[in-house]
C-alpha atoms as a PDB file:
ATOM      1  CA  UNK A   1      44.765 -21.981  91.490  1.00  0.00           C
ATOM      2  CA  UNK A   2      44.462 -18.443  92.252  1.00  0.00           C
ATOM      3  CA  UNK A   3      45.562 -15.924  89.700  1.00  0.00           C
ATOM      4  CA  UNK A   4      48.394 -14.069  90.970  1.00  0.00           C
ATOM      5  CA  UNK A   5      48.758 -10.626  89.313  1.00  0.00           C
ATOM      6  CA  UNK A   6      51.592  -8.288  89.712  1.00  0.00           C
ATOM      7  CA  UNK A   7      50.752  -4.531  90.352  1.00  0.00           C
ATOM      8  CA  UNK A   8      53.162  -2.248  88.752  1.00  0.00           C
ATOM      9  CA  UNK A   9      53.507   1.237  90.324  1.00  0.00           C
ATOM     10  CA  UNK A  10      55.049   3.886  88.154  1.00  0.00           C
ATOM     11  CA  UNK A  11      56.460   6.984  89.952  1.00  0.00           C
ATOM     12  CA  UNK A  12      57.701  10.050  88.192  1.00  0.00           C
ATOM     13  CA  UNK A  13      60.266  12.526  89.567  1.00  0.00           C
ATOM     14  CA  UNK A  14      58.898  16.186  89.649  1.00  0.00           C
ATOM     15  CA  UNK A  15      61.957  18.383  90.121  1.00  0.00           C
ATOM     16  CA  UNK A  16      60.515  20.998  87.754  1.00  0.00           C
ATOM     17  CA  UNK A  17      57.462  21.412  89.898  1.00  0.00           C
ATOM     18  CA  UNK A  18      59.530  21.989  93.009  1.00  0.00           C
ATOM     19  CA  UNK A  19      61.582  24.524  91.237  1.00  0.00           C
ATOM     20  CA  UNK A  20      58.431  26.330  90.182  1.00  0.00           C
ATOM     21  CA  UNK A  21      57.151  26.297  93.746  1.00  0.00           C
ATOM     22  CA  UNK A  22      60.479  27.611  94.980  1.00  0.00           C
ATOM     23  CA  UNK A  23      60.499  30.361  92.384  1.00  0.00           C
ATOM     24  CA  UNK A  24      56.896  31.271  93.171  1.00  0.00           C
ATOM     25  CA  UNK A  25      57.690  31.344  96.868  1.00  0.00           C
ATOM     26  CA  UNK A  26      60.765  33.492  96.324  1.00  0.00           C
ATOM     27  CA  UNK A  27      58.844  35.851  94.062  1.00  0.00           C
ATOM     28  CA  UNK A  28      56.040  36.053  96.607  1.00  0.00           C
ATOM     29  CA  UNK A  29      58.563  36.718  99.338  1.00  0.00           C
ATOM     30  CA  UNK A  30      60.276  39.369  97.260  1.00  0.00           C
ATOM     31  CA  UNK A  31      56.971  40.997  96.436  1.00  0.00           C
ATOM     32  CA  UNK A  32      56.044  40.955 100.104  1.00  0.00           C
ATOM     33  CA  UNK A  33      59.359  42.380 101.069  1.00  0.00           C
ATOM     34  CA  UNK A  34      59.099  45.038  98.382  1.00  0.00           C
ATOM     35  CA  UNK A  35      55.593  45.904  99.477  1.00  0.00           C
ATOM     36  CA  UNK A  36      56.704  46.089 103.080  1.00  0.00           C
ATOM     37  CA  UNK A  37      59.630  48.279 102.003  1.00  0.00           C
ATOM     38  CA  UNK A  38      57.363  50.600 100.033  1.00  0.00           C
ATOM     39  CA  UNK A  39      54.923  50.839 102.924  1.00  0.00           C
ATOM     40  CA  UNK A  40      57.665  51.373 105.422  1.00  0.00           C
ATOM     41  CA  UNK A  41      59.351  53.920 103.223  1.00  0.00           C
ATOM     42  CA  UNK A  42      56.124  55.779 102.571  1.00  0.00           C
ATOM     43  CA  UNK A  43      55.298  55.786 106.268  1.00  0.00           C
ATOM     44  CA  UNK A  44      58.815  56.815 107.237  1.00  0.00           C
ATOM     45  CA  UNK A  45      58.906  59.605 104.661  1.00  0.00           C
ATOM     46  CA  UNK A  46      55.543  60.841 105.832  1.00  0.00           C
ATOM     47  CA  UNK A  47      56.621  60.758 109.484  1.00  0.00           C
ATOM     48  CA  UNK A  48      59.936  62.397 108.580  1.00  0.00           C
ATOM     49  CA  UNK A  49      58.170  65.124 106.655  1.00  0.00           C
ATOM     50  CA  UNK A  50      55.805  65.681 109.550  1.00  0.00           C
ATOM     51  CA  UNK A  51      58.679  65.677 112.020  1.00  0.00           C
ATOM     52  CA  UNK A  52      60.622  68.090 109.800  1.00  0.00           C
ATOM     53  CA  UNK A  53      57.622  70.378 109.483  1.00  0.00           C
ATOM     54  CA  UNK A  54      57.106  70.302 113.277  1.00  0.00           C
ATOM     55  CA  UNK A  55      60.798  70.966 113.803  1.00  0.00           C
ATOM     56  CA  UNK A  56      60.714  73.909 111.413  1.00  0.00           C
ATOM     57  CA  UNK A  57      57.614  75.262 113.149  1.00  0.00           C
ATOM     58  CA  UNK A  58      59.272  74.935 116.556  1.00  0.00           C
ATOM     59  CA  UNK A  59      62.431  76.591 115.245  1.00  0.00           C
ATOM     60  CA  UNK A  60      60.387  79.479 113.867  1.00  0.00           C
ATOM     61  CA  UNK A  61      58.487  79.797 117.136  1.00  0.00           C
ATOM     62  CA  UNK A  62      61.774  79.831 119.024  1.00  0.00           C
ATOM     63  CA  UNK A  63      63.097  82.537 116.715  1.00  0.00           C
ATOM     64  CA  UNK A  64      59.903  84.556 117.188  1.00  0.00           C
ATOM     65  CA  UNK A  65      60.121  84.115 120.961  1.00  0.00           C
ATOM     66  CA  UNK A  66      63.758  85.204 120.817  1.00  0.00           C
ATOM     67  CA  UNK A  67      62.763  88.328 118.878  1.00  0.00           C
ATOM     68  CA  UNK A  68      59.906  89.006 121.300  1.00  0.00           C
ATOM     69  CA  UNK A  69      62.249  88.523 124.264  1.00  0.00           C
ATOM     70  CA  UNK A  70      64.783  90.939 122.815  1.00  0.00           C
ATOM     71  CA  UNK A  71      62.043  93.491 122.168  1.00  0.00           C
ATOM     72  CA  UNK A  72      60.699  93.023 125.702  1.00  0.00           C
ATOM     73  CA  UNK A  73      64.185  93.432 127.147  1.00  0.00           C
ATOM     74  CA  UNK A  74      64.751  96.567 125.094  1.00  0.00           C
ATOM     75  CA  UNK A  75      61.396  97.957 126.223  1.00  0.00           C
ATOM     76  CA  UNK A  76      62.147  97.077 129.847  1.00  0.00           C
ATOM     77  CA  UNK A  77      65.550  98.776 129.580  1.00  0.00           C
ATOM     78  CA  UNK A  78      63.913 101.850 128.060  1.00  0.00           C
ATOM     79  CA  UNK A  79      61.342 101.882 130.857  1.00  0.00           C
ATOM     80  CA  UNK A  80      64.098 101.551 133.475  1.00  0.00           C
ATOM     81  CA  UNK A  81      65.934 104.457 131.870  1.00  0.00           C
ATOM     82  CA  UNK A  82      62.706 106.457 131.831  1.00  0.00           C
ATOM     83  CA  UNK A  83      62.012 105.667 135.490  1.00  0.00           C
ATOM     84  CA  UNK A  84      65.572 106.628 136.419  1.00  0.00           C
ATOM     85  CA  UNK A  85      65.259 109.849 134.409  1.00  0.00           C
ATOM     86  CA  UNK A  86      61.926 110.725 135.986  1.00  0.00           C
ATOM     87  CA  UNK A  87      63.263 109.915 139.436  1.00  0.00           C
ATOM     88  CA  UNK A  88      66.349 112.035 138.829  1.00  0.00           C
ATOM     89  CA  UNK A  89      64.222 114.785 137.344  1.00  0.00           C
ATOM     90  CA  UNK A  90      62.001 114.692 140.407  1.00  0.00           C
ATOM     91  CA  UNK A  91      65.070 114.953 142.658  1.00  0.00           C
ATOM     92  CA  UNK A  92      66.394 117.819 140.567  1.00  0.00           C
ATOM     93  CA  UNK A  93      62.987 119.501 140.550  1.00  0.00           C
ATOM     94  CA  UNK A  94      62.743 119.024 144.319  1.00  0.00           C
ATOM     95  CA  UNK A  95      66.232 120.450 144.842  1.00  0.00           C
ATOM     96  CA  UNK A  96      65.529 123.280 142.422  1.00  0.00           C
ATOM     97  CA  UNK A  97      62.215 124.010 144.121  1.00  0.00           C
ATOM     98  CA  UNK A  98      63.920 123.996 147.513  1.00  0.00           C
ATOM     99  CA  UNK A  99      66.657 126.286 146.236  1.00  0.00           C
ATOM    100  CA  UNK A 100      64.068 128.618 144.726  1.00  0.00           C
ATOM    101  CA  UNK A 101      62.137 128.691 148.003  1.00  0.00           C
ATOM    102  CA  UNK A 102      65.315 129.433 149.932  1.00  0.00           C
ATOM    103  CA  UNK A 103      66.252 132.153 147.458  1.00  0.00           C
ATOM    104  CA  UNK A 104      62.732 133.570 147.641  1.00  0.00           C
ATOM    105  CA  UNK A 105      62.838 133.589 151.440  1.00  0.00           C
ATOM    106  CA  UNK A 106      66.247 135.257 151.364  1.00  0.00           C
ATOM    107  CA  UNK A 107      65.069 137.818 148.813  1.00  0.00           C
ATOM    108  CA  UNK A 108      61.972 138.548 150.883  1.00  0.00           C
ATOM    109  CA  UNK A 109      64.148 139.069 153.957  1.00  0.00           C
ATOM    110  CA  UNK A 110      66.497 141.298 151.985  1.00  0.00           C
ATOM    111  CA  UNK A 111      63.533 143.182 150.556  1.00  0.00           C
ATOM    112  CA  UNK A 112      62.166 143.697 154.037  1.00  0.00           C
ATOM    113  CA  UNK A 113      65.545 144.972 155.226  1.00  0.00           C
ATOM    114  CA  UNK A 114      65.780 147.277 152.222  1.00  0.00           C
ATOM    115  CA  UNK A 115      62.287 148.628 152.880  1.00  0.00           C
ATOM    116  CA  UNK A 116      63.238 149.283 156.477  1.00  0.00           C
ATOM    117  CA  UNK A 117      66.452 151.011 155.410  1.00  0.00           C
ATOM    118  CA  UNK A 118      64.564 153.002 152.794  1.00  0.00           C
ATOM    119  CA  UNK A 119      62.016 154.090 155.382  1.00  0.00           C
ATOM    120  CA  UNK A 120      64.838 154.952 157.738  1.00  0.00           C
ATOM    121  CA  UNK A 121      66.710 157.115 155.236  1.00  0.00           C
ATOM    122  CA  UNK A 122      63.463 158.602 153.961  1.00  0.00           C
ATOM    123  CA  UNK A 123      62.794 159.728 157.502  1.00  0.00           C
ATOM    124  CA  UNK A 124      66.191 161.415 157.481  1.00  0.00           C
ATOM    125  CA  UNK A 125      66.279 162.951 154.024  1.00  0.00           C
ATOM    126  CA  UNK A 126      62.576 163.855 153.691  1.00  0.00           C
ATOM    127  CA  UNK A 127      61.796 166.440 156.346  1.00  0.00           C
ATOM    128  CA  UNK A 128      58.217 166.810 155.120  1.00  0.00           C
ATOM    129  CA  UNK A 129      57.578 163.192 156.050  1.00  0.00           C
ATOM    130  CA  UNK A 130      59.186 163.375 159.443  1.00  0.00           C
ATOM    131  CA  UNK A 131      58.868 165.320 162.622  1.00  0.00           C
ATOM    132  CA  UNK A 132      61.141 168.269 163.106  1.00  0.00           C
ATOM    133  CA  UNK A 133      63.936 167.919 165.654  1.00  0.00           C
ATOM    134  CA  UNK A 134      65.368 164.889 167.365  1.00  0.00           C
ATOM    135  CA  UNK A 135      63.098 161.911 167.719  1.00  0.00           C
ATOM    136  CA  UNK A 136      63.127 158.158 168.301  1.00  0.00           C
ATOM    137  CA  UNK A 137      63.056 156.379 164.970  1.00  0.00           C
ATOM    138  CA  UNK A 138      63.140 152.789 166.226  1.00  0.00           C
ATOM    139  CA  UNK A 139      62.944 151.030 169.573  1.00  0.00           C
ATOM    140  CA  UNK A 140      62.856 147.263 170.025  1.00  0.00           C
ATOM    141  CA  UNK A 141      63.761 144.691 172.641  1.00  0.00           C
ATOM    142  CA  UNK A 142      64.621 140.997 172.281  1.00  0.00           C
ATOM    143  CA  UNK A 143      64.467 138.407 175.022  1.00  0.00           C
ATOM    144  CA  UNK A 144      67.721 136.555 175.650  1.00  0.00           C
ATOM    145  CA  UNK A 145      67.835 132.878 176.548  1.00  0.00           C
ATOM    146  CA  UNK A 146      70.497 133.391 179.191  1.00  0.00           C
ATOM    147  CA  UNK A 147      70.828 134.743 181.748  1.00  0.00           C
ATOM    148  CA  UNK A 148      67.271 134.603 183.034  1.00  0.00           C
ATOM    149  CA  UNK A 149      65.055 137.717 182.747  1.00  0.00           C
ATOM    150  CA  UNK A 150      67.530 139.315 180.327  1.00  0.00           C
ATOM    151  CA  UNK A 151      66.712 141.439 177.273  1.00  0.00           C
ATOM    152  CA  UNK A 152      68.631 143.284 174.587  1.00  0.00           C
ATOM    153  CA  UNK A 153      67.441 146.743 173.566  1.00  0.00           C
ATOM    154  CA  UNK A 154      68.118 148.654 170.339  1.00  0.00           C
ATOM    155  CA  UNK A 155      67.419 152.374 169.972  1.00  0.00           C
ATOM    156  CA  UNK A 156      67.824 154.653 166.941  1.00  0.00           C
ATOM    157  CA  UNK A 157      67.595 158.455 167.196  1.00  0.00           C
ATOM    158  CA  UNK A 158      67.343 160.662 164.063  1.00  0.00           C
ATOM    159  CA  UNK A 159      66.910 164.285 163.001  1.00  0.00           C
ATOM    160  CA  UNK A 160      66.025 165.669 159.526  1.00  0.00           C
ATOM    161  CA  UNK A 161      68.757 166.541 157.035  1.00  0.00           C
ATOM    162  CA  UNK A 162      67.569 170.140 156.882  1.00  0.00           C
ATOM    163  CA  UNK A 163      69.268 170.608 160.224  1.00  0.00           C
ATOM    164  CA  UNK A 164      72.937 170.884 159.291  1.00  0.00           C
ATOM    165  CA  UNK A 165      74.050 171.239 162.897  1.00  0.00           C
ATOM    166  CA  UNK A 166      74.940 168.432 165.196  1.00  0.00           C
ATOM    167  CA  UNK A 167      72.460 167.781 167.918  1.00  0.00           C
ATOM    168  CA  UNK A 168      73.420 166.590 171.373  1.00  0.00           C
ATOM    169  CA  UNK A 169      71.708 165.661 174.548  1.00  0.00           C
ATOM    170  CA  UNK A 170      70.773 162.733 176.721  1.00  0.00           C
ATOM    171  CA  UNK A 171      68.127 160.033 176.743  1.00  0.00           C
ATOM    172  CA  UNK A 172      66.758 158.050 179.613  1.00  0.00           C
ATOM    173  CA  UNK A 173      65.004 154.715 179.459  1.00  0.00           C
ATOM    174  CA  UNK A 174      62.532 153.481 182.050  1.00  0.00           C
ATOM    175  CA  UNK A 175      60.451 150.307 182.218  1.00  0.00           C
ATOM    176  CA  UNK A 176      57.090 150.112 183.981  1.00  0.00           C
ATOM    177  CA  UNK A 177      55.740 146.744 185.080  1.00  0.00           C
ATOM    178  CA  UNK A 178      54.279 144.596 187.834  1.00  0.00           C
ATOM    179  CA  UNK A 179      56.114 142.863 190.628  1.00  0.00           C
ATOM    180  CA  UNK A 180      54.225 140.859 193.213  1.00  0.00           C
ATOM    181  CA  UNK A 181      51.035 142.479 191.979  1.00  0.00           C
ATOM    182  CA  UNK A 182      52.360 146.006 192.480  1.00  0.00           C
ATOM    183  CA  UNK A 183      53.278 148.575 189.841  1.00  0.00           C
ATOM    184  CA  UNK A 184      56.954 149.367 189.689  1.00  0.00           C
ATOM    185  CA  UNK A 185      59.026 151.617 187.432  1.00  0.00           C
ATOM    186  CA  UNK A 186      62.705 150.829 186.942  1.00  0.00           C
ATOM    187  CA  UNK A 187      65.287 153.177 185.435  1.00  0.00           C
ATOM    188  CA  UNK A 188      67.993 152.230 182.944  1.00  0.00           C
ATOM    189  CA  UNK A 189      70.577 152.644 185.696  1.00  0.00           C
ATOM    190  CA  UNK A 190      68.773 149.932 187.720  1.00  0.00           C
ATOM    191  CA  UNK A 191      68.451 147.520 184.793  1.00  0.00           C
ATOM    192  CA  UNK A 192      71.584 147.980 182.668  1.00  0.00           C
ATOM    193  CA  UNK A 193      73.989 145.069 182.926  1.00  0.00           C
ATOM    194  CA  UNK A 194      77.008 147.257 182.082  1.00  0.00           C
ATOM    195  CA  UNK A 195      76.002 150.002 184.545  1.00  0.00           C
ATOM    196  CA  UNK A 196      74.875 152.574 181.961  1.00  0.00           C
ATOM    197  CA  UNK A 197      72.963 155.374 183.691  1.00  0.00           C
ATOM    198  CA  UNK A 198      71.677 157.271 180.665  1.00  0.00           C
ATOM    199  CA  UNK A 199      72.353 157.560 176.940  1.00  0.00           C
ATOM    200  CA  UNK A 200      74.367 160.529 175.731  1.00  0.00           C
ATOM    201  CA  UNK A 201      73.940 161.304 172.038  1.00  0.00           C
ATOM    202  CA  UNK A 202      75.626 163.656 169.606  1.00  0.00           C
ATOM    203  CA  UNK A 203      74.952 163.254 165.891  1.00  0.00           C
ATOM    204  CA  UNK A 204      74.014 165.048 162.685  1.00  0.00           C
ATOM    205  CA  UNK A 205      71.743 162.497 161.023  1.00  0.00           C
ATOM    206  CA  UNK A 206      71.242 159.449 163.264  1.00  0.00           C
ATOM    207  CA  UNK A 207      72.797 157.453 166.102  1.00  0.00           C
ATOM    208  CA  UNK A 208      72.231 153.909 167.342  1.00  0.00           C
ATOM    209  CA  UNK A 209      72.366 152.543 170.892  1.00  0.00           C
ATOM    210  CA  UNK A 210      72.125 148.987 172.169  1.00  0.00           C
ATOM    211  CA  UNK A 211      72.631 147.274 175.506  1.00  0.00           C
ATOM    212  CA  UNK A 212      71.444 144.539 177.814  1.00  0.00           C
ATOM    213  CA  UNK A 213      68.779 144.790 180.510  1.00  0.00           C
ATOM    214  CA  UNK A 214      68.149 142.385 183.347  1.00  0.00           C
ATOM    215  CA  UNK A 215      64.909 142.495 185.330  1.00  0.00           C
ATOM    216  CA  UNK A 216      64.508 141.466 188.969  1.00  0.00           C
ATOM    217  CA  UNK A 217      62.935 138.086 189.687  1.00  0.00           C
ATOM    218  CA  UNK A 218      59.169 138.264 189.393  1.00  0.00           C
ATOM    219  CA  UNK A 219      59.126 141.533 187.441  1.00  0.00           C
ATOM    220  CA  UNK A 220      56.797 141.592 184.419  1.00  0.00           C
ATOM    221  CA  UNK A 221      57.351 144.546 182.043  1.00  0.00           C
ATOM    222  CA  UNK A 222      54.300 146.289 180.622  1.00  0.00           C
ATOM    223  CA  UNK A 223      55.556 149.409 178.852  1.00  0.00           C
ATOM    224  CA  UNK A 224      58.727 151.386 178.193  1.00  0.00           C
ATOM    225  CA  UNK A 225      59.341 155.121 178.116  1.00  0.00           C
ATOM    226  CA  UNK A 226      62.130 156.904 176.255  1.00  0.00           C
ATOM    227  CA  UNK A 227      62.755 160.486 177.374  1.00  0.00           C
ATOM    228  CA  UNK A 228      64.930 162.650 175.095  1.00  0.00           C
ATOM    229  CA  UNK A 229      66.424 165.871 176.398  1.00  0.00           C
ATOM    230  CA  UNK A 230      68.220 167.819 173.637  1.00  0.00           C
ATOM    231  CA  UNK A 231      70.999 170.120 174.797  1.00  0.00           C
ATOM    232  CA  UNK A 232      70.677 173.873 174.393  1.00  0.00           C
ATOM    233  CA  UNK A 233      68.170 176.496 175.350  1.00  0.00           C
ATOM    234  CA  UNK A 234      64.699 176.328 173.929  1.00  0.00           C
ATOM    235  CA  UNK A 235      64.841 172.612 173.178  1.00  0.00           C
ATOM    236  CA  UNK A 236      61.798 170.927 174.748  1.00  0.00           C
ATOM    237  CA  UNK A 237      62.102 167.350 176.036  1.00  0.00           C
ATOM    238  CA  UNK A 238      60.535 164.550 174.021  1.00  0.00           C
ATOM    239  CA  UNK A 239      58.920 161.570 175.672  1.00  0.00           C
ATOM    240  CA  UNK A 240      57.613 158.464 173.876  1.00  0.00           C
ATOM    241  CA  UNK A 241      55.809 155.505 175.425  1.00  0.00           C
ATOM    242  CA  UNK A 242      55.811 151.984 173.941  1.00  0.00           C
ATOM    243  CA  UNK A 243      53.730 148.966 174.818  1.00  0.00           C
ATOM    244  CA  UNK A 244      56.121 146.179 175.748  1.00  0.00           C
ATOM    245  CA  UNK A 245      54.290 143.568 173.657  1.00  0.00           C
ATOM    246  CA  UNK A 246      54.624 145.749 170.542  1.00  0.00           C
ATOM    247  CA  UNK A 247      58.373 146.289 170.760  1.00  0.00           C
ATOM    248  CA  UNK A 248      59.246 142.762 171.893  1.00  0.00           C
ATOM    249  CA  UNK A 249      60.939 140.707 169.173  1.00  0.00           C
ATOM    250  CA  UNK A 250      61.525 136.952 168.901  1.00  0.00           C
ATOM    251  CA  UNK A 251      63.888 135.297 171.369  1.00  0.00           C
ATOM    252  CA  UNK A 252      67.590 135.576 170.685  1.00  0.00           C
ATOM    253  CA  UNK A 253      70.527 133.537 171.901  1.00  0.00           C
ATOM    254  CA  UNK A 254      72.723 134.885 174.618  1.00  0.00           C
END
């Protein structure tokens, strides 16, 4: 008869081992978490420091750019002021230069007039520089714009101061020219607009005459003759001829 044996299995409960495993797992998890925290913290601090440094650098660059911009604006404003000053100075210089030129032109004209007056009075008060007796000091004509073929004449007669007496007489004016290719001489009575026949003078130092002449159509004047006839016995006539081109002045208005 077979031997029947009973197998006895003995099992032991290991709660302590499980607790150890749990503790080890928790510790390992905590260590991992702590390591991850340290790594994350180190990385975050490093990134934060880098970000802070970059931010500070950008802030400083912005401040520098702001300072540079202000300096550039100030320089631009100064340059604008300088340009405006130079422009204004140029305008002032131009106006001043123009005023100086106008004043110079006026002074030159006045100087010319004064020289003419000085020469005129010198001819009166300095007998040694002038001819004795009555003479023509100045004769000039100016073309008028209207009416056609019209001219204005100006005559000045003088005598030296050494003659204390008044001198009288008459003067005649004649114009020689060409008309239709022919020579023609016209008297003052034929040319005077106001009908003057001759010029009667009576003066001690000088006397001026002026009037308007009008030539016939097609008449071209070449020369003028002024004939002076002092009154009184023993006074010879005086006759002066003038080339028309030399006594003709610039055009005048009517």
